[in-house]
Amino acid sequence: MQFLDEAEKKMADLLIATDESFKKIFDEHKEIEKLLNKYSTKPFLTPEEQKAIKELKLKKLNGNDIMKKIIKKRIAG
């Protein structure tokens, strides 16, 4: 997760290993990334695909925000 500093990355790794709900969000984040990469290889996107990309990006951003909040809360104790 490139949006995290070193301490946050360590906490994220710990949460992935120990917190099922965090791991679920993380796995979903990775799956969205795969889907977005798949779309990026296409030379042309239909309007439906463009809409799907927007929705995936919003979902990914929301996941980032949720994970970041959980990590910061755990680091703060």
PDB file of N, CA and C in Angstrom:
ATOM      1  N   MET A   1       0.846  -1.180   0.000  1.00  0.00           N
ATOM      2  CA  MET A   1       0.000   0.000   0.000  1.00  0.00           C
ATOM      3  C   MET A   1       0.888   1.238   0.000  1.00  0.00           C
ATOM      4  N   GLN A   2       0.980   1.835  -1.142  1.00  0.00           N
ATOM      5  CA  GLN A   2       1.912   2.949  -1.316  1.00  0.00           C
ATOM      6  C   GLN A   2       1.488   4.228  -0.599  1.00  0.00           C
ATOM      7  N   PHE A   3       0.259   4.303  -0.112  1.00  0.00           N
ATOM      8  CA  PHE A   3      -0.198   5.519   0.546  1.00  0.00           C
ATOM      9  C   PHE A   3       0.139   5.549   2.036  1.00  0.00           C
ATOM     10  N   LEU A   4       0.917   4.571   2.513  1.00  0.00           N
ATOM     11  CA  LEU A   4       1.245   4.475   3.929  1.00  0.00           C
ATOM     12  C   LEU A   4       2.723   4.737   4.190  1.00  0.00           C
ATOM     13  N   ASP A   5       3.018   5.309   5.371  1.00  0.00           N
ATOM     14  CA  ASP A   5       4.421   5.433   5.762  1.00  0.00           C
ATOM     15  C   ASP A   5       4.866   4.104   6.387  1.00  0.00           C
ATOM     16  N   GLU A   6       6.098   4.026   6.814  1.00  0.00           N
ATOM     17  CA  GLU A   6       6.677   2.753   7.280  1.00  0.00           C
ATOM     18  C   GLU A   6       5.943   2.179   8.499  1.00  0.00           C
ATOM     19  N   ALA A   7       5.664   3.013   9.500  1.00  0.00           N
ATOM     20  CA  ALA A   7       4.958   2.538  10.704  1.00  0.00           C
ATOM     21  C   ALA A   7       3.554   2.058  10.343  1.00  0.00           C
ATOM     22  N   GLU A   8       2.910   2.776   9.434  1.00  0.00           N
ATOM     23  CA  GLU A   8       1.563   2.392   9.011  1.00  0.00           C
ATOM     24  C   GLU A   8       1.586   1.077   8.229  1.00  0.00           C
ATOM     25  N   LYS A   9       2.613   0.873   7.432  1.00  0.00           N
ATOM     26  CA  LYS A   9       2.744  -0.381   6.685  1.00  0.00           C
ATOM     27  C   LYS A   9       2.893  -1.567   7.634  1.00  0.00           C
ATOM     28  N   LYS A  10       3.700  -1.374   8.678  1.00  0.00           N
ATOM     29  CA  LYS A  10       3.874  -2.448   9.668  1.00  0.00           C
ATOM     30  C   LYS A  10       2.560  -2.767  10.359  1.00  0.00           C
ATOM     31  N   MET A  11       1.814  -1.725  10.716  1.00  0.00           N
ATOM     32  CA  MET A  11       0.513  -1.934  11.362  1.00  0.00           C
ATOM     33  C   MET A  11      -0.449  -2.604  10.381  1.00  0.00           C
ATOM     34  N   ALA A  12      -0.425  -2.207   9.128  1.00  0.00           N
ATOM     35  CA  ALA A  12      -1.292  -2.818   8.118  1.00  0.00           C
ATOM     36  C   ALA A  12      -0.981  -4.303   7.987  1.00  0.00           C
ATOM     37  N   ASP A  13       0.295  -4.652   7.945  1.00  0.00           N
ATOM     38  CA  ASP A  13       0.684  -6.063   7.860  1.00  0.00           C
ATOM     39  C   ASP A  13       0.164  -6.847   9.061  1.00  0.00           C
ATOM     40  N   LEU A  14       0.280  -6.251  10.238  1.00  0.00           N
ATOM     41  CA  LEU A  14      -0.221  -6.891  11.460  1.00  0.00           C
ATOM     42  C   LEU A  14      -1.739  -7.069  11.387  1.00  0.00           C
ATOM     43  N   LEU A  15      -2.438  -6.042  10.952  1.00  0.00           N
ATOM     44  CA  LEU A  15      -3.895  -6.112  10.851  1.00  0.00           C
ATOM     45  C   LEU A  15      -4.344  -7.131   9.807  1.00  0.00           C
ATOM     46  N   ILE A  16      -3.635  -7.208   8.703  1.00  0.00           N
ATOM     47  CA  ILE A  16      -3.967  -8.193   7.669  1.00  0.00           C
ATOM     48  C   ILE A  16      -3.877  -9.602   8.247  1.00  0.00           C
ATOM     49  N   ALA A  17      -2.881  -9.805   9.088  1.00  0.00           N
ATOM     50  CA  ALA A  17      -2.666 -11.126   9.678  1.00  0.00           C
ATOM     51  C   ALA A  17      -3.616 -11.438  10.836  1.00  0.00           C
ATOM     52  N   THR A  18      -4.123 -10.407  11.506  1.00  0.00           N
ATOM     53  CA  THR A  18      -4.865 -10.660  12.746  1.00  0.00           C
ATOM     54  C   THR A  18      -6.312 -10.176  12.759  1.00  0.00           C
ATOM     55  N   ASP A  19      -6.701  -9.326  11.840  1.00  0.00           N
ATOM     56  CA  ASP A  19      -8.037  -8.719  11.858  1.00  0.00           C
ATOM     57  C   ASP A  19      -8.793  -9.087  10.585  1.00  0.00           C
ATOM     58  N   GLU A  20      -9.792  -9.959  10.729  1.00  0.00           N
ATOM     59  CA  GLU A  20     -10.534 -10.463   9.562  1.00  0.00           C
ATOM     60  C   GLU A  20     -11.224  -9.348   8.783  1.00  0.00           C
ATOM     61  N   SER A  21     -11.827  -8.388   9.490  1.00  0.00           N
ATOM     62  CA  SER A  21     -12.542  -7.327   8.775  1.00  0.00           C
ATOM     63  C   SER A  21     -11.568  -6.443   7.996  1.00  0.00           C
ATOM     64  N   PHE A  22     -10.401  -6.164   8.575  1.00  0.00           N
ATOM     65  CA  PHE A  22      -9.389  -5.380   7.862  1.00  0.00           C
ATOM     66  C   PHE A  22      -8.890  -6.161   6.651  1.00  0.00           C
ATOM     67  N   LYS A  23      -8.640  -7.448   6.837  1.00  0.00           N
ATOM     68  CA  LYS A  23      -8.157  -8.288   5.736  1.00  0.00           C
ATOM     69  C   LYS A  23      -9.173  -8.325   4.595  1.00  0.00           C
ATOM     70  N   LYS A  24     -10.445  -8.354   4.945  1.00  0.00           N
ATOM     71  CA  LYS A  24     -11.494  -8.358   3.921  1.00  0.00           C
ATOM     72  C   LYS A  24     -11.441  -7.073   3.096  1.00  0.00           C
ATOM     73  N   ILE A  25     -11.300  -5.944   3.748  1.00  0.00           N
ATOM     74  CA  ILE A  25     -11.204  -4.661   3.046  1.00  0.00           C
ATOM     75  C   ILE A  25      -9.943  -4.638   2.180  1.00  0.00           C
ATOM     76  N   PHE A  26      -8.836  -5.120   2.724  1.00  0.00           N
ATOM     77  CA  PHE A  26      -7.571  -5.155   1.986  1.00  0.00           C
ATOM     78  C   PHE A  26      -7.684  -6.049   0.753  1.00  0.00           C
ATOM     79  N   ASP A  27      -8.279  -7.228   0.918  1.00  0.00           N
ATOM     80  CA  ASP A  27      -8.429  -8.144  -0.217  1.00  0.00           C
ATOM     81  C   ASP A  27      -9.329  -7.552  -1.298  1.00  0.00           C
ATOM     82  N   GLU A  28     -10.378  -6.875  -0.869  1.00  0.00           N
ATOM     83  CA  GLU A  28     -11.269  -6.212  -1.824  1.00  0.00           C
ATOM     84  C   GLU A  28     -10.512  -5.117  -2.578  1.00  0.00           C
ATOM     85  N   HIS A  29      -9.682  -4.398  -1.851  1.00  0.00           N
ATOM     86  CA  HIS A  29      -8.857  -3.340  -2.445  1.00  0.00           C
ATOM     87  C   HIS A  29      -7.953  -3.919  -3.545  1.00  0.00           C
ATOM     88  N   LYS A  30      -7.330  -5.053  -3.248  1.00  0.00           N
ATOM     89  CA  LYS A  30      -6.458  -5.704  -4.232  1.00  0.00           C
ATOM     90  C   LYS A  30      -7.254  -6.173  -5.446  1.00  0.00           C
ATOM     91  N   GLU A  31      -8.440  -6.689  -5.214  1.00  0.00           N
ATOM     92  CA  GLU A  31      -9.289  -7.169  -6.310  1.00  0.00           C
ATOM     93  C   GLU A  31      -9.723  -6.011  -7.211  1.00  0.00           C
ATOM     94  N   ILE A  32     -10.070  -4.890  -6.607  1.00  0.00           N
ATOM     95  CA  ILE A  32     -10.436  -3.704  -7.380  1.00  0.00           C
ATOM     96  C   ILE A  32      -9.248  -3.257  -8.231  1.00  0.00           C
ATOM     97  N   GLU A  33      -8.066  -3.284  -7.649  1.00  0.00           N
ATOM     98  CA  GLU A  33      -6.856  -2.901  -8.387  1.00  0.00           C
ATOM     99  C   GLU A  33      -6.668  -3.797  -9.615  1.00  0.00           C
ATOM    100  N   LYS A  34      -6.888  -5.088  -9.455  1.00  0.00           N
ATOM    101  CA  LYS A  34      -6.776  -6.019 -10.585  1.00  0.00           C
ATOM    102  C   LYS A  34      -7.776  -5.675 -11.686  1.00  0.00           C
ATOM    103  N   LEU A  35      -9.013  -5.392 -11.285  1.00  0.00           N
ATOM    104  CA  LEU A  35     -10.044  -5.036 -12.261  1.00  0.00           C
ATOM    105  C   LEU A  35      -9.693  -3.745 -12.990  1.00  0.00           C
ATOM    106  N   LEU A  36      -9.218  -2.757 -12.257  1.00  0.00           N
ATOM    107  CA  LEU A  36      -8.830  -1.490 -12.884  1.00  0.00           C
ATOM    108  C   LEU A  36      -7.672  -1.692 -13.858  1.00  0.00           C
ATOM    109  N   ASN A  37      -6.719  -2.534 -13.487  1.00  0.00           N
ATOM    110  CA  ASN A  37      -5.608  -2.824 -14.389  1.00  0.00           C
ATOM    111  C   ASN A  37      -6.086  -3.514 -15.660  1.00  0.00           C
ATOM    112  N   LYS A  38      -7.073  -4.374 -15.512  1.00  0.00           N
ATOM    113  CA  LYS A  38      -7.640  -5.076 -16.660  1.00  0.00           C
ATOM    114  C   LYS A  38      -8.271  -4.078 -17.634  1.00  0.00           C
ATOM    115  N   TYR A  39      -9.004  -3.116 -17.081  1.00  0.00           N
ATOM    116  CA  TYR A  39      -9.607  -2.085 -17.934  1.00  0.00           C
ATOM    117  C   TYR A  39      -8.548  -1.219 -18.613  1.00  0.00           C
ATOM    118  N   SER A  40      -7.449  -0.984 -17.923  1.00  0.00           N
ATOM    119  CA  SER A  40      -6.427  -0.073 -18.465  1.00  0.00           C
ATOM    120  C   SER A  40      -5.740  -0.633 -19.702  1.00  0.00           C
ATOM    121  N   THR A  41      -5.852  -1.926 -19.931  1.00  0.00           N
ATOM    122  CA  THR A  41      -5.219  -2.525 -21.112  1.00  0.00           C
ATOM    123  C   THR A  41      -6.106  -2.429 -22.353  1.00  0.00           C
ATOM    124  N   LYS A  42      -7.344  -2.029 -22.162  1.00  0.00           N
ATOM    125  CA  LYS A  42      -8.268  -1.944 -23.283  1.00  0.00           C
ATOM    126  C   LYS A  42      -8.062  -0.634 -24.051  1.00  0.00           C
ATOM    127  N   PRO A  43      -8.026  -0.716 -25.378  1.00  0.00           N
ATOM    128  CA  PRO A  43      -7.825   0.507 -26.168  1.00  0.00           C
ATOM    129  C   PRO A  43      -9.063   1.408 -26.204  1.00  0.00           C
ATOM    130  N   PHE A  44     -10.233   0.824 -25.989  1.00  0.00           N
ATOM    131  CA  PHE A  44     -11.478   1.586 -26.030  1.00  0.00           C
ATOM    132  C   PHE A  44     -12.404   1.087 -24.931  1.00  0.00           C
ATOM    133  N   LEU A  45     -13.070   2.016 -24.270  1.00  0.00           N
ATOM    134  CA  LEU A  45     -14.002   1.653 -23.199  1.00  0.00           C
ATOM    135  C   LEU A  45     -15.414   2.082 -23.580  1.00  0.00           C
ATOM    136  N   THR A  46     -16.351   1.193 -23.350  1.00  0.00           N
ATOM    137  CA  THR A  46     -17.749   1.524 -23.572  1.00  0.00           C
ATOM    138  C   THR A  46     -18.212   2.460 -22.454  1.00  0.00           C
ATOM    139  N   PRO A  47     -19.338   3.132 -22.638  1.00  0.00           N
ATOM    140  CA  PRO A  47     -19.861   3.974 -21.545  1.00  0.00           C
ATOM    141  C   PRO A  47     -20.114   3.174 -20.261  1.00  0.00           C
ATOM    142  N   GLU A  48     -20.552   1.925 -20.399  1.00  0.00           N
ATOM    143  CA  GLU A  48     -20.778   1.089 -19.228  1.00  0.00           C
ATOM    144  C   GLU A  48     -19.458   0.798 -18.501  1.00  0.00           C
ATOM    145  N   GLU A  49     -18.409   0.541 -19.283  1.00  0.00           N
ATOM    146  CA  GLU A  49     -17.099   0.279 -18.680  1.00  0.00           C
ATOM    147  C   GLU A  49     -16.555   1.525 -18.003  1.00  0.00           C
ATOM    148  N   GLN A  50     -16.766   2.686 -18.618  1.00  0.00           N
ATOM    149  CA  GLN A  50     -16.321   3.940 -18.012  1.00  0.00           C
ATOM    150  C   GLN A  50     -17.035   4.178 -16.681  1.00  0.00           C
ATOM    151  N   LYS A  51     -18.331   3.855 -16.655  1.00  0.00           N
ATOM    152  CA  LYS A  51     -19.093   4.000 -15.415  1.00  0.00           C
ATOM    153  C   LYS A  51     -18.582   3.015 -14.368  1.00  0.00           C
ATOM    154  N   ALA A  52     -18.303   1.790 -14.785  1.00  0.00           N
ATOM    155  CA  ALA A  52     -17.788   0.777 -13.861  1.00  0.00           C
ATOM    156  C   ALA A  52     -16.451   1.213 -13.278  1.00  0.00           C
ATOM    157  N   ILE A  53     -15.594   1.796 -14.096  1.00  0.00           N
ATOM    158  CA  ILE A  53     -14.291   2.275 -13.626  1.00  0.00           C
ATOM    159  C   ILE A  53     -14.477   3.366 -12.568  1.00  0.00           C
ATOM    160  N   LYS A  54     -15.382   4.303 -12.829  1.00  0.00           N
ATOM    161  CA  LYS A  54     -15.639   5.366 -11.845  1.00  0.00           C
ATOM    162  C   LYS A  54     -16.089   4.770 -10.512  1.00  0.00           C
ATOM    163  N   GLU A  55     -17.012   3.801 -10.592  1.00  0.00           N
ATOM    164  CA  GLU A  55     -17.524   3.184  -9.374  1.00  0.00           C
ATOM    165  C   GLU A  55     -16.428   2.417  -8.642  1.00  0.00           C
ATOM    166  N   LEU A  56     -15.590   1.704  -9.400  1.00  0.00           N
ATOM    167  CA  LEU A  56     -14.488   0.962  -8.784  1.00  0.00           C
ATOM    168  C   LEU A  56     -13.497   1.907  -8.115  1.00  0.00           C
ATOM    169  N   LYS A  57     -13.194   3.016  -8.774  1.00  0.00           N
ATOM    170  CA  LYS A  57     -12.252   3.981  -8.198  1.00  0.00           C
ATOM    171  C   LYS A  57     -12.805   4.583  -6.905  1.00  0.00           C
ATOM    172  N   LEU A  58     -14.106   4.886  -6.902  1.00  0.00           N
ATOM    173  CA  LEU A  58     -14.715   5.413  -5.681  1.00  0.00           C
ATOM    174  C   LEU A  58     -14.685   4.386  -4.557  1.00  0.00           C
ATOM    175  N   LYS A  59     -14.982   3.142  -4.900  1.00  0.00           N
ATOM    176  CA  LYS A  59     -14.964   2.066  -3.908  1.00  0.00           C
ATOM    177  C   LYS A  59     -13.546   1.866  -3.367  1.00  0.00           C
ATOM    178  N   LYS A  60     -12.561   1.933  -4.260  1.00  0.00           N
ATOM    179  CA  LYS A  60     -11.166   1.773  -3.848  1.00  0.00           C
ATOM    180  C   LYS A  60     -10.746   2.922  -2.925  1.00  0.00           C
ATOM    181  N   LEU A  61     -11.114   4.136  -3.285  1.00  0.00           N
ATOM    182  CA  LEU A  61     -10.780   5.300  -2.468  1.00  0.00           C
ATOM    183  C   LEU A  61     -11.430   5.202  -1.091  1.00  0.00           C
ATOM    184  N   ASN A  62     -12.684   4.759  -1.059  1.00  0.00           N
ATOM    185  CA  ASN A  62     -13.373   4.570   0.212  1.00  0.00           C
ATOM    186  C   ASN A  62     -12.652   3.520   1.060  1.00  0.00           C
ATOM    187  N   GLY A  63     -12.229   2.431   0.423  1.00  0.00           N
ATOM    188  CA  GLY A  63     -11.475   1.395   1.131  1.00  0.00           C
ATOM    189  C   GLY A  63     -10.170   1.929   1.688  1.00  0.00           C
ATOM    190  N   ASN A  64      -9.487   2.750   0.885  1.00  0.00           N
ATOM    191  CA  ASN A  64      -8.243   3.373   1.353  1.00  0.00           C
ATOM    192  C   ASN A  64      -8.499   4.193   2.610  1.00  0.00           C
ATOM    193  N   ASP A  65      -9.558   4.993   2.575  1.00  0.00           N
ATOM    194  CA  ASP A  65      -9.887   5.841   3.715  1.00  0.00           C
ATOM    195  C   ASP A  65     -10.189   5.008   4.962  1.00  0.00           C
ATOM    196  N   ILE A  66     -10.971   3.948   4.780  1.00  0.00           N
ATOM    197  CA  ILE A  66     -11.324   3.089   5.916  1.00  0.00           C
ATOM    198  C   ILE A  66     -10.077   2.433   6.499  1.00  0.00           C
ATOM    199  N   MET A  67      -9.231   1.874   5.625  1.00  0.00           N
ATOM    200  CA  MET A  67      -8.011   1.220   6.113  1.00  0.00           C
ATOM    201  C   MET A  67      -7.110   2.214   6.829  1.00  0.00           C
ATOM    202  N   LYS A  68      -6.956   3.399   6.262  1.00  0.00           N
ATOM    203  CA  LYS A  68      -6.095   4.422   6.863  1.00  0.00           C
ATOM    204  C   LYS A  68      -6.616   4.804   8.253  1.00  0.00           C
ATOM    205  N   LYS A  69      -7.934   4.960   8.391  1.00  0.00           N
ATOM    206  CA  LYS A  69      -8.508   5.308   9.696  1.00  0.00           C
ATOM    207  C   LYS A  69      -8.260   4.202  10.717  1.00  0.00           C
ATOM    208  N   ILE A  70      -8.462   2.958  10.302  1.00  0.00           N
ATOM    209  CA  ILE A  70      -8.237   1.828  11.211  1.00  0.00           C
ATOM    210  C   ILE A  70      -6.777   1.784  11.656  1.00  0.00           C
ATOM    211  N   ILE A  71      -5.881   1.960  10.705  1.00  0.00           N
ATOM    212  CA  ILE A  71      -4.437   1.919  11.012  1.00  0.00           C
ATOM    213  C   ILE A  71      -4.062   3.034  11.969  1.00  0.00           C
ATOM    214  N   LYS A  72      -4.503   4.256  11.680  1.00  0.00           N
ATOM    215  CA  LYS A  72      -4.167   5.395  12.549  1.00  0.00           C
ATOM    216  C   LYS A  72      -4.740   5.198  13.952  1.00  0.00           C
ATOM    217  N   LYS A  73      -5.953   4.654  14.034  1.00  0.00           N
ATOM    218  CA  LYS A  73      -6.581   4.408  15.339  1.00  0.00           C
ATOM    219  C   LYS A  73      -5.773   3.387  16.129  1.00  0.00           C
ATOM    220  N   ARG A  74      -5.323   2.326  15.470  1.00  0.00           N
ATOM    221  CA  ARG A  74      -4.543   1.284  16.144  1.00  0.00           C
ATOM    222  C   ARG A  74      -3.169   1.810  16.569  1.00  0.00           C
ATOM    223  N   ILE A  75      -2.548   2.638  15.729  1.00  0.00           N
ATOM    224  CA  ILE A  75      -1.225   3.198  16.080  1.00  0.00           C
ATOM    225  C   ILE A  75      -1.378   4.137  17.285  1.00  0.00           C
ATOM    226  N   ALA A  76      -2.433   4.930  17.283  1.00  0.00           N
ATOM    227  CA  ALA A  76      -2.647   5.880  18.390  1.00  0.00           C
ATOM    228  C   ALA A  76      -2.960   5.140  19.690  1.00  0.00           C
ATOM    229  N   GLY A  77      -3.486   3.929  19.546  1.00  0.00           N
ATOM    230  CA  GLY A  77      -3.773   3.126  20.730  1.00  0.00           C
ATOM    231  C   GLY A  77      -5.104   3.456  21.271  1.00  0.00           C
TER     232      GLY A  77
END
